[in-house]
């Protein structure tokens, strides 16, 4: 991975306590998995940002290498990679996701 792309990804993750790399946007997800994850984060009620990986092919490929995760969405909370849709759904169903997200969001306050 090129240094400039790695620095861009590092910056995005550092600047946002809760960041979702998705297909589409927060208001217009373009796949069912991205939509499901966005809805979970809206339900939790903690501010989050999205990055539309469909807009930049280099970012889309770079994220796969960066996270060592082949699919999207990819979720980062507090600078840490959480996983994809299935992991986020499972954490949410167990009540774990809200705790992790609220802790990370609270750290910025």
N, C-alpha and C. Protein backbone atom coordinates (compact mmCIF):
# COMPACT_ATOMS: atom_id res chain seq x y z
N UNK A 1 0.85 -1.18 0.00
CA UNK A 1 0.00 0.00 0.00
C UNK A 1 0.89 1.24 0.00
N UNK A 2 0.50 2.21 -0.80
CA UNK A 2 1.26 3.46 -0.88
C UNK A 2 1.14 4.22 0.44
N UNK A 3 2.22 4.91 0.80
CA UNK A 3 2.23 5.68 2.05
C UNK A 3 1.13 6.72 2.09
N UNK A 4 0.87 7.40 0.98
CA UNK A 4 -0.15 8.45 0.95
C UNK A 4 -1.53 7.88 1.26
N UNK A 5 -1.83 6.71 0.73
CA UNK A 5 -3.12 6.08 0.98
C UNK A 5 -3.22 5.63 2.44
N UNK A 6 -2.15 5.05 2.96
CA UNK A 6 -2.15 4.62 4.36
C UNK A 6 -2.34 5.83 5.28
N UNK A 7 -1.68 6.93 4.97
CA UNK A 7 -1.82 8.15 5.79
C UNK A 7 -3.25 8.69 5.71
N UNK A 8 -3.85 8.62 4.54
CA UNK A 8 -5.24 9.07 4.38
C UNK A 8 -6.17 8.23 5.24
N UNK A 9 -6.01 6.91 5.20
CA UNK A 9 -6.85 6.00 6.00
C UNK A 9 -6.61 6.24 7.48
N UNK A 10 -5.34 6.32 7.88
CA UNK A 10 -5.02 6.61 9.30
C UNK A 10 -5.70 7.90 9.75
N UNK A 11 -5.64 8.93 8.91
CA UNK A 11 -6.25 10.22 9.26
C UNK A 11 -7.76 10.12 9.42
N UNK A 12 -8.42 9.43 8.52
CA UNK A 12 -9.87 9.27 8.61
C UNK A 12 -10.26 8.56 9.91
N UNK A 13 -9.54 7.50 10.22
CA UNK A 13 -9.85 6.71 11.42
C UNK A 13 -9.55 7.50 12.69
N UNK A 14 -8.47 8.27 12.69
CA UNK A 14 -8.10 9.06 13.85
C UNK A 14 -9.07 10.22 14.08
N UNK A 15 -9.54 10.83 13.01
CA UNK A 15 -10.41 12.01 13.11
C UNK A 15 -11.84 11.67 13.51
N UNK A 16 -12.24 10.41 13.40
CA UNK A 16 -13.62 10.02 13.66
C UNK A 16 -13.68 8.90 14.68
N UNK A 17 -14.34 9.15 15.80
CA UNK A 17 -14.43 8.13 16.86
C UNK A 17 -15.19 6.90 16.39
N UNK A 18 -16.22 7.12 15.56
CA UNK A 18 -17.00 6.00 15.02
C UNK A 18 -17.07 6.21 13.51
N UNK A 19 -16.45 5.32 12.75
CA UNK A 19 -16.35 5.48 11.31
C UNK A 19 -16.73 4.20 10.61
N UNK A 20 -17.64 4.32 9.64
CA UNK A 20 -18.10 3.18 8.87
C UNK A 20 -17.67 3.36 7.42
N UNK A 21 -16.90 2.43 6.92
CA UNK A 21 -16.56 2.40 5.50
C UNK A 21 -17.64 1.56 4.84
N UNK A 22 -18.49 2.20 4.04
CA UNK A 22 -19.68 1.55 3.50
C UNK A 22 -19.81 1.78 2.00
N UNK A 23 -20.71 1.02 1.41
CA UNK A 23 -21.11 1.25 0.03
C UNK A 23 -22.28 2.22 0.07
N UNK A 24 -22.04 3.45 -0.38
CA UNK A 24 -23.06 4.48 -0.33
C UNK A 24 -22.76 5.48 0.77
N UNK A 25 -23.81 6.12 1.27
CA UNK A 25 -23.67 7.15 2.30
C UNK A 25 -24.60 6.87 3.47
N UNK A 26 -24.46 7.66 4.50
CA UNK A 26 -25.31 7.54 5.68
C UNK A 26 -26.79 7.69 5.31
N UNK A 27 -27.08 8.60 4.38
CA UNK A 27 -28.46 8.85 4.00
C UNK A 27 -28.91 8.01 2.80
N UNK A 28 -27.96 7.43 2.07
CA UNK A 28 -28.30 6.62 0.90
C UNK A 28 -27.36 5.42 0.78
N UNK A 29 -27.51 4.43 1.68
CA UNK A 29 -26.67 3.23 1.57
C UNK A 29 -27.00 2.49 0.27
N UNK A 30 -25.97 1.88 -0.32
CA UNK A 30 -26.16 1.23 -1.60
C UNK A 30 -25.97 -0.28 -1.56
N UNK A 31 -26.08 -0.85 -0.39
CA UNK A 31 -26.15 -2.31 -0.27
C UNK A 31 -26.83 -2.65 1.05
N UNK A 32 -27.41 -3.81 1.12
CA UNK A 32 -28.16 -4.22 2.30
C UNK A 32 -27.31 -4.30 3.56
N UNK A 33 -26.08 -4.75 3.43
CA UNK A 33 -25.21 -4.87 4.60
C UNK A 33 -24.84 -3.49 5.14
N UNK A 34 -24.53 -2.57 4.24
CA UNK A 34 -24.22 -1.20 4.67
C UNK A 34 -25.44 -0.57 5.32
N UNK A 35 -26.60 -0.78 4.74
CA UNK A 35 -27.84 -0.24 5.30
C UNK A 35 -28.09 -0.78 6.70
N UNK A 36 -27.90 -2.08 6.88
CA UNK A 36 -28.13 -2.70 8.19
C UNK A 36 -27.22 -2.10 9.26
N UNK A 37 -25.95 -1.93 8.92
CA UNK A 37 -24.98 -1.38 9.88
C UNK A 37 -25.32 0.08 10.20
N UNK A 38 -25.63 0.86 9.19
CA UNK A 38 -26.00 2.27 9.40
C UNK A 38 -27.22 2.36 10.31
N UNK A 39 -28.21 1.51 10.09
CA UNK A 39 -29.41 1.53 10.94
C UNK A 39 -29.09 1.17 12.39
N UNK A 40 -28.18 0.24 12.59
CA UNK A 40 -27.77 -0.13 13.96
C UNK A 40 -27.13 1.07 14.65
N UNK A 41 -26.26 1.77 13.95
CA UNK A 41 -25.59 2.92 14.57
C UNK A 41 -26.56 4.08 14.80
N UNK A 42 -27.53 4.24 13.92
CA UNK A 42 -28.56 5.26 14.15
C UNK A 42 -29.38 4.91 15.39
N UNK A 43 -29.67 3.63 15.57
CA UNK A 43 -30.43 3.17 16.73
C UNK A 43 -29.67 3.42 18.03
N UNK A 44 -28.37 3.20 18.01
CA UNK A 44 -27.54 3.43 19.20
C UNK A 44 -27.58 4.92 19.57
N UNK A 45 -27.61 5.78 18.56
CA UNK A 45 -27.76 7.21 18.82
C UNK A 45 -26.48 7.98 19.10
N UNK A 46 -25.34 7.38 18.81
CA UNK A 46 -24.05 8.06 18.99
C UNK A 46 -23.61 8.57 17.62
N UNK A 47 -23.07 9.79 17.57
CA UNK A 47 -22.64 10.32 16.27
C UNK A 47 -21.63 9.40 15.58
N UNK A 48 -21.80 9.26 14.28
CA UNK A 48 -20.87 8.46 13.49
C UNK A 48 -20.76 9.08 12.11
N UNK A 49 -19.67 8.73 11.43
CA UNK A 49 -19.45 9.20 10.07
C UNK A 49 -19.32 8.00 9.15
N UNK A 50 -19.58 8.24 7.88
CA UNK A 50 -19.41 7.19 6.88
C UNK A 50 -18.45 7.66 5.79
N UNK A 51 -17.80 6.70 5.17
CA UNK A 51 -16.97 6.95 4.00
C UNK A 51 -17.52 6.04 2.90
N UNK A 52 -17.87 6.64 1.77
CA UNK A 52 -18.40 5.89 0.64
C UNK A 52 -17.25 5.31 -0.17
N UNK A 53 -17.02 4.01 -0.02
CA UNK A 53 -15.88 3.38 -0.70
C UNK A 53 -16.13 3.19 -2.19
N UNK A 54 -17.36 3.41 -2.63
CA UNK A 54 -17.66 3.29 -4.06
C UNK A 54 -17.12 4.48 -4.85
N UNK A 55 -16.84 5.58 -4.17
CA UNK A 55 -16.36 6.79 -4.85
C UNK A 55 -14.88 6.74 -5.19
N UNK A 56 -14.12 5.92 -4.47
CA UNK A 56 -12.68 5.88 -4.68
C UNK A 56 -12.19 4.45 -4.73
N UNK A 57 -11.83 4.00 -5.92
CA UNK A 57 -11.37 2.63 -6.10
C UNK A 57 -10.11 2.30 -5.33
N UNK A 58 -9.18 3.27 -5.23
CA UNK A 58 -7.95 3.01 -4.50
C UNK A 58 -8.22 2.85 -3.01
N UNK A 59 -9.15 3.62 -2.48
CA UNK A 59 -9.52 3.50 -1.08
C UNK A 59 -10.21 2.17 -0.82
N UNK A 60 -11.09 1.78 -1.72
CA UNK A 60 -11.80 0.51 -1.57
C UNK A 60 -10.81 -0.65 -1.49
N UNK A 61 -9.85 -0.69 -2.41
CA UNK A 61 -8.85 -1.76 -2.39
C UNK A 61 -7.91 -1.62 -1.19
N UNK A 62 -7.53 -0.39 -0.89
CA UNK A 62 -6.63 -0.14 0.22
C UNK A 62 -7.19 -0.57 1.57
N UNK A 63 -8.49 -0.36 1.75
CA UNK A 63 -9.12 -0.75 3.01
C UNK A 63 -9.08 -2.25 3.23
N UNK A 64 -9.19 -3.01 2.17
CA UNK A 64 -9.12 -4.47 2.29
C UNK A 64 -7.75 -4.90 2.83
N UNK A 65 -6.71 -4.23 2.35
CA UNK A 65 -5.36 -4.53 2.80
C UNK A 65 -5.13 -3.98 4.22
N UNK A 66 -5.58 -2.75 4.45
CA UNK A 66 -5.37 -2.07 5.72
C UNK A 66 -5.98 -2.87 6.89
N UNK A 67 -7.22 -3.30 6.71
CA UNK A 67 -7.93 -3.99 7.78
C UNK A 67 -7.73 -5.51 7.74
N UNK A 68 -7.21 -6.00 6.62
CA UNK A 68 -7.11 -7.43 6.36
C UNK A 68 -8.50 -8.07 6.44
N UNK A 69 -9.48 -7.33 5.89
CA UNK A 69 -10.88 -7.77 5.87
C UNK A 69 -11.36 -7.58 4.43
N UNK A 70 -11.87 -8.62 3.78
CA UNK A 70 -12.13 -8.55 2.34
C UNK A 70 -13.45 -7.89 1.92
N UNK A 71 -14.34 -7.65 2.86
CA UNK A 71 -15.68 -7.17 2.48
C UNK A 71 -16.04 -5.87 3.17
N UNK A 72 -17.12 -5.28 2.73
CA UNK A 72 -17.66 -4.06 3.31
C UNK A 72 -19.09 -4.30 3.73
N UNK A 73 -19.53 -3.60 4.77
CA UNK A 73 -18.89 -2.49 5.46
C UNK A 73 -17.77 -2.94 6.40
N UNK A 74 -16.93 -1.94 6.74
CA UNK A 74 -15.88 -2.12 7.74
C UNK A 74 -16.09 -1.04 8.80
N UNK A 75 -16.10 -1.44 10.05
CA UNK A 75 -16.44 -0.52 11.13
C UNK A 75 -15.24 -0.32 12.06
N UNK A 76 -14.95 0.96 12.32
CA UNK A 76 -13.89 1.35 13.24
C UNK A 76 -14.50 2.16 14.38
N UNK A 77 -14.16 1.78 15.60
CA UNK A 77 -14.65 2.49 16.78
C UNK A 77 -13.44 2.78 17.67
N UNK A 78 -13.26 4.06 17.99
CA UNK A 78 -12.13 4.44 18.83
C UNK A 78 -10.79 4.08 18.20
N UNK A 79 -10.72 4.11 16.88
CA UNK A 79 -9.48 3.80 16.18
C UNK A 79 -9.23 2.32 15.97
N UNK A 80 -10.11 1.48 16.49
CA UNK A 80 -9.94 0.03 16.38
C UNK A 80 -10.92 -0.57 15.38
N UNK A 81 -10.45 -1.52 14.59
CA UNK A 81 -11.31 -2.23 13.66
C UNK A 81 -12.19 -3.20 14.44
N UNK A 82 -13.50 -3.05 14.27
CA UNK A 82 -14.46 -3.92 14.97
C UNK A 82 -14.81 -5.13 14.12
N UNK A 83 -15.05 -4.89 12.82
CA UNK A 83 -15.42 -5.99 11.93
C UNK A 83 -16.41 -5.51 10.89
N UNK A 84 -17.19 -6.46 10.38
CA UNK A 84 -18.17 -6.16 9.36
C UNK A 84 -19.59 -6.30 9.89
N UNK A 85 -20.50 -6.47 8.98
CA UNK A 85 -21.92 -6.47 9.30
C UNK A 85 -22.29 -7.56 10.31
N UNK A 86 -21.88 -8.79 10.07
CA UNK A 86 -22.27 -9.89 10.96
C UNK A 86 -21.76 -9.69 12.38
N UNK A 87 -20.53 -9.24 12.51
CA UNK A 87 -19.95 -9.02 13.84
C UNK A 87 -20.68 -7.88 14.55
N UNK A 88 -20.95 -6.80 13.83
CA UNK A 88 -21.66 -5.66 14.42
C UNK A 88 -23.07 -6.06 14.84
N UNK A 89 -23.76 -6.83 14.01
CA UNK A 89 -25.11 -7.30 14.37
C UNK A 89 -25.07 -8.15 15.63
N UNK A 90 -24.10 -9.06 15.69
CA UNK A 90 -23.98 -9.95 16.85
C UNK A 90 -23.67 -9.14 18.12
N UNK A 91 -22.74 -8.19 18.01
CA UNK A 91 -22.40 -7.35 19.17
C UNK A 91 -23.62 -6.54 19.61
N UNK A 92 -24.37 -6.03 18.64
CA UNK A 92 -25.56 -5.24 18.95
C UNK A 92 -26.62 -6.10 19.64
N UNK A 93 -26.85 -7.29 19.12
CA UNK A 93 -27.84 -8.20 19.72
C UNK A 93 -27.49 -8.57 21.15
N UNK A 94 -26.20 -8.65 21.46
CA UNK A 94 -25.75 -9.00 22.81
C UNK A 94 -25.65 -7.79 23.73
N UNK A 95 -25.87 -6.58 23.18
CA UNK A 95 -25.77 -5.36 23.97
C UNK A 95 -24.34 -4.86 24.16
N UNK A 96 -23.41 -5.45 23.46
CA UNK A 96 -22.00 -5.08 23.60
C UNK A 96 -21.62 -3.86 22.77
N UNK A 97 -22.22 -3.71 21.61
CA UNK A 97 -21.82 -2.65 20.69
C UNK A 97 -22.04 -1.27 21.28
N UNK A 98 -23.21 -1.04 21.85
CA UNK A 98 -23.51 0.28 22.42
C UNK A 98 -22.49 0.66 23.49
N UNK A 99 -22.07 -0.28 24.30
CA UNK A 99 -21.07 0.00 25.35
C UNK A 99 -19.74 0.41 24.74
N UNK A 100 -19.31 -0.31 23.72
CA UNK A 100 -18.02 -0.01 23.07
C UNK A 100 -18.09 1.35 22.40
N UNK A 101 -19.19 1.61 21.71
CA UNK A 101 -19.35 2.88 20.97
C UNK A 101 -19.46 4.05 21.94
N UNK A 102 -20.22 3.90 22.99
CA UNK A 102 -20.40 4.98 23.95
C UNK A 102 -19.10 5.28 24.69
N UNK A 103 -18.32 4.25 24.97
CA UNK A 103 -17.02 4.46 25.61
C UNK A 103 -16.09 5.25 24.69
N UNK A 104 -16.05 4.88 23.41
CA UNK A 104 -15.20 5.58 22.45
C UNK A 104 -15.69 7.01 22.23
N UNK A 105 -16.98 7.20 22.13
CA UNK A 105 -17.54 8.55 21.92
C UNK A 105 -17.32 9.42 23.14
N UNK A 106 -17.41 8.82 24.32
CA UNK A 106 -17.18 9.55 25.56
C UNK A 106 -15.74 9.98 25.73
N UNK A 107 -14.84 9.21 25.14
CA UNK A 107 -13.42 9.53 25.25
C UNK A 107 -13.08 10.84 24.54
N UNK A 108 -13.95 11.23 23.59
CA UNK A 108 -13.67 12.48 22.87
C UNK A 108 -14.21 13.69 23.60
N UNK A 109 -15.04 13.47 24.58
CA UNK A 109 -15.67 14.59 25.31
C UNK A 109 -14.78 15.14 26.38
